[in-house]
Amino acid sequence: MEETHLEPRPASASRIRLAILTQPGHANAFGTIHGGVLLKLADECGAVAALRHAGRGQVATAAMDSMMFLDPVHVGERIEIVAEVSYVGRSSIETRIEILAEPYDRAEPRRVALGYALYVALDEVNRRPRPVPPLLITSDADRLALEQALARQAVRLARRAEALQTS
C-alpha cells in the first residue's frame, strides 16, 4: 500500500548544480553551443532535482517548457546548470532550471537560459505515477512562487489536452 501522508520538503533540499567546460563537439559551425546540448544537460539536472525531492524510485520527463535562451554560449566557456524544485502536484514535480555561462579564465557568469521542466515520479514495481512529498511553503516568496507555478501547470495541462485532441 502506498504511503498516504508524506512529509513536506523544502525546495532547497532538491537544489543541484552541474558544471562543464564546453567543447567543439557541443557546437555548431558558428562556434556556439547547440540549444539541444543545453536542453539535454538541463533535463538531466532537472531530473536529479526532481528525484531528490521524490526521495526514491524513478522520474520521467513529462514536459520541458518555457526554456528561454537569452545569450549564446561559446566553445570553451564553462556552463553551470542549477535546478531546484519549484512546484509539486500529486505525482508531478516541476523544476526551475537556470543556465549560466562564463569564460573559463574569469569568474564573470551571465545567465544564458532559464526554463522549467515537469517530471512524474514512478513507483519501482510497475512504473506507474506515485505520490510525492508536498513542497514546504514557509514564506510570502514561497507563496508567490507557488501561485506562478500553478499558472504554469494550468497552461501545461491545457496544452496537453489540446495535443491529445489533435493526435
C-alpha atoms as a PDB file:
ATOM      1  CA  MET A   1       0.000   0.000   0.000  1.00  0.00           C
ATOM      2  CA  GLU A   2       1.315   3.449  -0.950  1.00  0.00           C
ATOM      3  CA  GLU A   3       2.075   5.845   1.881  1.00  0.00           C
ATOM      4  CA  THR A   4      -0.729   8.435   2.137  1.00  0.00           C
ATOM      5  CA  HIS A   5       0.992  11.070   4.291  1.00  0.00           C
ATOM      6  CA  LEU A   6       4.326  12.357   3.089  1.00  0.00           C
ATOM      7  CA  GLU A   7       6.371  14.927   4.984  1.00  0.00           C
ATOM      8  CA  PRO A   8       6.745  18.256   3.087  1.00  0.00           C
ATOM      9  CA  ARG A   9      10.232  19.058   1.826  1.00  0.00           C
ATOM     10  CA  PRO A  10      11.779  22.486   1.146  1.00  0.00           C
ATOM     11  CA  ALA A  11      12.840  23.421  -2.391  1.00  0.00           C
ATOM     12  CA  SER A  12      16.394  23.976  -1.164  1.00  0.00           C
ATOM     13  CA  ALA A  13      16.751  20.258  -0.366  1.00  0.00           C
ATOM     14  CA  SER A  14      16.464  19.454  -4.076  1.00  0.00           C
ATOM     15  CA  ARG A  15      18.935  22.048  -5.412  1.00  0.00           C
ATOM     16  CA  ILE A  16      21.641  20.668  -7.667  1.00  0.00           C
ATOM     17  CA  ARG A  17      24.426  22.222  -9.737  1.00  0.00           C
ATOM     18  CA  LEU A  18      26.108  20.699 -12.770  1.00  0.00           C
ATOM     19  CA  ALA A  19      29.106  22.374 -14.409  1.00  0.00           C
ATOM     20  CA  ILE A  20      31.034  21.512 -17.573  1.00  0.00           C
ATOM     21  CA  LEU A  21      33.524  23.127 -19.912  1.00  0.00           C
ATOM     22  CA  THR A  22      32.082  23.332 -23.405  1.00  0.00           C
ATOM     23  CA  GLN A  23      33.915  21.533 -26.207  1.00  0.00           C
ATOM     24  CA  PRO A  24      33.983  21.875 -30.010  1.00  0.00           C
ATOM     25  CA  GLY A  25      31.762  18.771 -30.244  1.00  0.00           C
ATOM     26  CA  HIS A  26      28.995  20.681 -28.442  1.00  0.00           C
ATOM     27  CA  ALA A  27      28.983  23.463 -31.038  1.00  0.00           C
ATOM     28  CA  ASN A  28      27.542  24.303 -34.427  1.00  0.00           C
ATOM     29  CA  ALA A  29      29.543  25.641 -37.372  1.00  0.00           C
ATOM     30  CA  PHE A  30      29.427  29.151 -35.904  1.00  0.00           C
ATOM     31  CA  GLY A  31      31.164  28.200 -32.658  1.00  0.00           C
ATOM     32  CA  THR A  32      28.133  28.469 -30.413  1.00  0.00           C
ATOM     33  CA  ILE A  33      26.745  25.615 -28.343  1.00  0.00           C
ATOM     34  CA  HIS A  34      23.704  23.810 -29.756  1.00  0.00           C
ATOM     35  CA  GLY A  35      20.495  24.505 -27.875  1.00  0.00           C
ATOM     36  CA  GLY A  36      19.870  20.761 -27.845  1.00  0.00           C
ATOM     37  CA  VAL A  37      23.068  20.204 -25.864  1.00  0.00           C
ATOM     38  CA  LEU A  38      21.910  22.746 -23.295  1.00  0.00           C
ATOM     39  CA  LEU A  39      18.430  21.172 -23.182  1.00  0.00           C
ATOM     40  CA  LYS A  40      19.892  17.704 -22.583  1.00  0.00           C
ATOM     41  CA  LEU A  41      22.006  18.957 -19.684  1.00  0.00           C
ATOM     42  CA  ALA A  42      19.064  20.950 -18.308  1.00  0.00           C
ATOM     43  CA  ASP A  43      16.828  17.858 -18.448  1.00  0.00           C
ATOM     44  CA  GLU A  44      19.418  15.737 -16.651  1.00  0.00           C
ATOM     45  CA  CYS A  45      19.933  18.328 -13.932  1.00  0.00           C
ATOM     46  CA  GLY A  46      16.193  18.941 -13.535  1.00  0.00           C
ATOM     47  CA  ALA A  47      15.549  15.203 -13.263  1.00  0.00           C
ATOM     48  CA  VAL A  48      18.092  14.839 -10.455  1.00  0.00           C
ATOM     49  CA  ALA A  49      16.451  17.721  -8.550  1.00  0.00           C
ATOM     50  CA  ALA A  50      13.037  16.055  -9.013  1.00  0.00           C
ATOM     51  CA  LEU A  51      14.409  12.691  -7.887  1.00  0.00           C
ATOM     52  CA  ARG A  52      15.939  14.279  -4.789  1.00  0.00           C
ATOM     53  CA  HIS A  53      12.514  15.627  -3.906  1.00  0.00           C
ATOM     54  CA  ALA A  54      10.732  12.356  -4.690  1.00  0.00           C
ATOM     55  CA  GLY A  55      13.229  10.561  -2.483  1.00  0.00           C
ATOM     56  CA  ARG A  56      13.299   7.213  -4.276  1.00  0.00           C
ATOM     57  CA  GLY A  57      12.284   5.354  -7.392  1.00  0.00           C
ATOM     58  CA  GLN A  58      12.423   6.917 -10.801  1.00  0.00           C
ATOM     59  CA  VAL A  59      11.220  10.080 -12.515  1.00  0.00           C
ATOM     60  CA  ALA A  60      10.207  10.526 -16.138  1.00  0.00           C
ATOM     61  CA  THR A  61      10.238  13.786 -18.080  1.00  0.00           C
ATOM     62  CA  ALA A  62       6.638  14.861 -18.772  1.00  0.00           C
ATOM     63  CA  ALA A  63       7.242  18.344 -20.225  1.00  0.00           C
ATOM     64  CA  MET A  64      10.139  20.628 -20.997  1.00  0.00           C
ATOM     65  CA  ASP A  65       8.715  24.081 -21.399  1.00  0.00           C
ATOM     66  CA  SER A  66       9.432  27.765 -21.102  1.00  0.00           C
ATOM     67  CA  MET A  67      13.154  27.348 -21.835  1.00  0.00           C
ATOM     68  CA  MET A  68      14.243  30.802 -22.902  1.00  0.00           C
ATOM     69  CA  PHE A  69      17.672  31.138 -24.467  1.00  0.00           C
ATOM     70  CA  LEU A  70      18.927  34.587 -23.518  1.00  0.00           C
ATOM     71  CA  ASP A  71      22.521  34.689 -24.762  1.00  0.00           C
ATOM     72  CA  PRO A  72      24.759  32.411 -26.845  1.00  0.00           C
ATOM     73  CA  VAL A  73      27.294  30.100 -25.235  1.00  0.00           C
ATOM     74  CA  HIS A  74      30.674  29.856 -26.952  1.00  0.00           C
ATOM     75  CA  VAL A  75      33.108  26.953 -27.178  1.00  0.00           C
ATOM     76  CA  GLY A  76      35.475  26.983 -24.224  1.00  0.00           C
ATOM     77  CA  GLU A  77      33.066  28.617 -21.823  1.00  0.00           C
ATOM     78  CA  ARG A  78      32.162  26.983 -18.540  1.00  0.00           C
ATOM     79  CA  ILE A  79      28.446  26.396 -18.144  1.00  0.00           C
ATOM     80  CA  GLU A  80      26.678  25.738 -14.892  1.00  0.00           C
ATOM     81  CA  ILE A  81      23.144  24.401 -14.707  1.00  0.00           C
ATOM     82  CA  VAL A  82      21.246  24.976 -11.467  1.00  0.00           C
ATOM     83  CA  ALA A  83      17.959  23.168 -10.861  1.00  0.00           C
ATOM     84  CA  GLU A  84      15.555  23.259  -7.931  1.00  0.00           C
ATOM     85  CA  VAL A  85      12.009  22.057  -7.348  1.00  0.00           C
ATOM     86  CA  SER A  86       9.523  24.897  -7.858  1.00  0.00           C
ATOM     87  CA  TYR A  87       6.142  23.101  -7.727  1.00  0.00           C
ATOM     88  CA  VAL A  88       4.795  19.732  -6.632  1.00  0.00           C
ATOM     89  CA  GLY A  89       1.479  18.124  -7.550  1.00  0.00           C
ATOM     90  CA  ARG A  90       0.249  14.676  -6.522  1.00  0.00           C
ATOM     91  CA  SER A  91       2.872  12.810  -8.571  1.00  0.00           C
ATOM     92  CA  SER A  92       4.374  15.622 -10.647  1.00  0.00           C
ATOM     93  CA  ILE A  93       7.389  17.740  -9.817  1.00  0.00           C
ATOM     94  CA  GLU A  94       8.308  20.961 -11.622  1.00  0.00           C
ATOM     95  CA  THR A  95      11.891  22.183 -11.570  1.00  0.00           C
ATOM     96  CA  ARG A  96      13.224  25.660 -12.307  1.00  0.00           C
ATOM     97  CA  ILE A  97      16.377  25.379 -14.393  1.00  0.00           C
ATOM     98  CA  GLU A  98      18.860  28.212 -14.827  1.00  0.00           C
ATOM     99  CA  ILE A  99      21.896  28.009 -17.096  1.00  0.00           C
ATOM    100  CA  LEU A 100      24.879  30.289 -16.522  1.00  0.00           C
ATOM    101  CA  ALA A 101      27.952  30.661 -18.729  1.00  0.00           C
ATOM    102  CA  GLU A 102      31.302  32.287 -18.102  1.00  0.00           C
ATOM    103  CA  PRO A 103      34.706  32.468 -19.767  1.00  0.00           C
ATOM    104  CA  TYR A 104      36.928  29.740 -18.352  1.00  0.00           C
ATOM    105  CA  ASP A 105      39.563  32.299 -17.321  1.00  0.00           C
ATOM    106  CA  ARG A 106      37.259  34.762 -15.479  1.00  0.00           C
ATOM    107  CA  ALA A 107      34.570  34.389 -12.837  1.00  0.00           C
ATOM    108  CA  GLU A 108      32.057  36.558 -14.727  1.00  0.00           C
ATOM    109  CA  PRO A 109      28.913  34.433 -15.036  1.00  0.00           C
ATOM    110  CA  ARG A 110      25.951  35.535 -17.110  1.00  0.00           C
ATOM    111  CA  ARG A 111      22.507  33.960 -17.336  1.00  0.00           C
ATOM    112  CA  VAL A 112      22.126  32.359 -20.773  1.00  0.00           C
ATOM    113  CA  ALA A 113      18.914  30.354 -20.317  1.00  0.00           C
ATOM    114  CA  LEU A 114      16.036  29.908 -17.921  1.00  0.00           C
ATOM    115  CA  GLY A 115      13.203  27.426 -18.028  1.00  0.00           C
ATOM    116  CA  TYR A 116      11.006  24.859 -16.346  1.00  0.00           C
ATOM    117  CA  ALA A 117      10.616  21.117 -16.716  1.00  0.00           C
ATOM    118  CA  LEU A 118       7.993  18.767 -15.327  1.00  0.00           C
ATOM    119  CA  TYR A 119       8.707  15.231 -14.150  1.00  0.00           C
ATOM    120  CA  VAL A 120       6.459  12.438 -12.914  1.00  0.00           C
ATOM    121  CA  ALA A 121       7.536  10.191 -10.060  1.00  0.00           C
ATOM    122  CA  LEU A 122       7.137   6.495 -10.838  1.00  0.00           C
ATOM    123  CA  ASP A 123       6.938   3.580  -8.443  1.00  0.00           C
ATOM    124  CA  GLU A 124       9.605   0.899  -8.570  1.00  0.00           C
ATOM    125  CA  VAL A 125       7.298  -2.048  -9.306  1.00  0.00           C
ATOM    126  CA  ASN A 126       5.008  -1.199 -12.211  1.00  0.00           C
ATOM    127  CA  ARG A 127       6.385   2.216 -13.261  1.00  0.00           C
ATOM    128  CA  ARG A 128       3.056   3.986 -12.611  1.00  0.00           C
ATOM    129  CA  PRO A 129       2.797   7.536 -11.189  1.00  0.00           C
ATOM    130  CA  ARG A 130       3.131   7.637  -7.416  1.00  0.00           C
ATOM    131  CA  PRO A 131       2.526  10.317  -4.770  1.00  0.00           C
ATOM    132  CA  VAL A 132       5.425  12.588  -3.816  1.00  0.00           C
ATOM    133  CA  PRO A 133       6.041  14.768  -0.767  1.00  0.00           C
ATOM    134  CA  PRO A 134       4.443  18.221  -0.911  1.00  0.00           C
ATOM    135  CA  LEU A 135       6.626  21.294  -1.266  1.00  0.00           C
ATOM    136  CA  LEU A 136       7.214  23.094   2.029  1.00  0.00           C
ATOM    137  CA  ILE A 137       5.854  26.653   1.817  1.00  0.00           C
ATOM    138  CA  THR A 138       7.111  28.906   4.620  1.00  0.00           C
ATOM    139  CA  SER A 139       7.281  32.470   3.300  1.00  0.00           C
ATOM    140  CA  ASP A 140       5.452  35.038   1.201  1.00  0.00           C
ATOM    141  CA  ALA A 141       8.066  34.486  -1.529  1.00  0.00           C
ATOM    142  CA  ASP A 142       7.246  30.748  -1.449  1.00  0.00           C
ATOM    143  CA  ARG A 143       3.515  31.531  -1.763  1.00  0.00           C
ATOM    144  CA  LEU A 144       4.112  33.847  -4.732  1.00  0.00           C
ATOM    145  CA  ALA A 145       6.309  31.225  -6.417  1.00  0.00           C
ATOM    146  CA  LEU A 146       3.553  28.657  -5.845  1.00  0.00           C
ATOM    147  CA  GLU A 147       0.935  30.919  -7.491  1.00  0.00           C
ATOM    148  CA  GLN A 148       3.204  31.359 -10.517  1.00  0.00           C
ATOM    149  CA  ALA A 149       3.846  27.603 -10.680  1.00  0.00           C
ATOM    150  CA  LEU A 150       0.117  26.847 -10.541  1.00  0.00           C
ATOM    151  CA  ALA A 151      -0.400  29.172 -13.522  1.00  0.00           C
ATOM    152  CA  ARG A 152       2.370  27.367 -15.473  1.00  0.00           C
ATOM    153  CA  GLN A 153       0.833  23.999 -14.605  1.00  0.00           C
ATOM    154  CA  ALA A 154      -2.599  25.133 -15.815  1.00  0.00           C
ATOM    155  CA  VAL A 155      -1.057  26.143 -19.160  1.00  0.00           C
ATOM    156  CA  ARG A 156       0.742  22.782 -19.423  1.00  0.00           C
ATOM    157  CA  LEU A 157      -2.456  20.855 -18.719  1.00  0.00           C
ATOM    158  CA  ALA A 158      -4.337  22.866 -21.359  1.00  0.00           C
ATOM    159  CA  ARG A 159      -1.560  22.225 -23.914  1.00  0.00           C
ATOM    160  CA  ARG A 160      -1.596  18.529 -23.084  1.00  0.00           C
ATOM    161  CA  ALA A 161      -5.372  18.322 -23.533  1.00  0.00           C
ATOM    162  CA  GLU A 162      -5.045  20.094 -26.891  1.00  0.00           C
ATOM    163  CA  ALA A 163      -2.251  17.775 -28.009  1.00  0.00           C
ATOM    164  CA  LEU A 164      -4.303  14.692 -27.103  1.00  0.00           C
ATOM    165  CA  GLN A 165      -7.265  16.004 -29.101  1.00  0.00           C
ATOM    166  CA  THR A 166      -5.252  16.639 -32.247  1.00  0.00           C
ATOM    167  CA  SER A 167      -3.404  13.328 -32.322  1.00  0.00           C
END
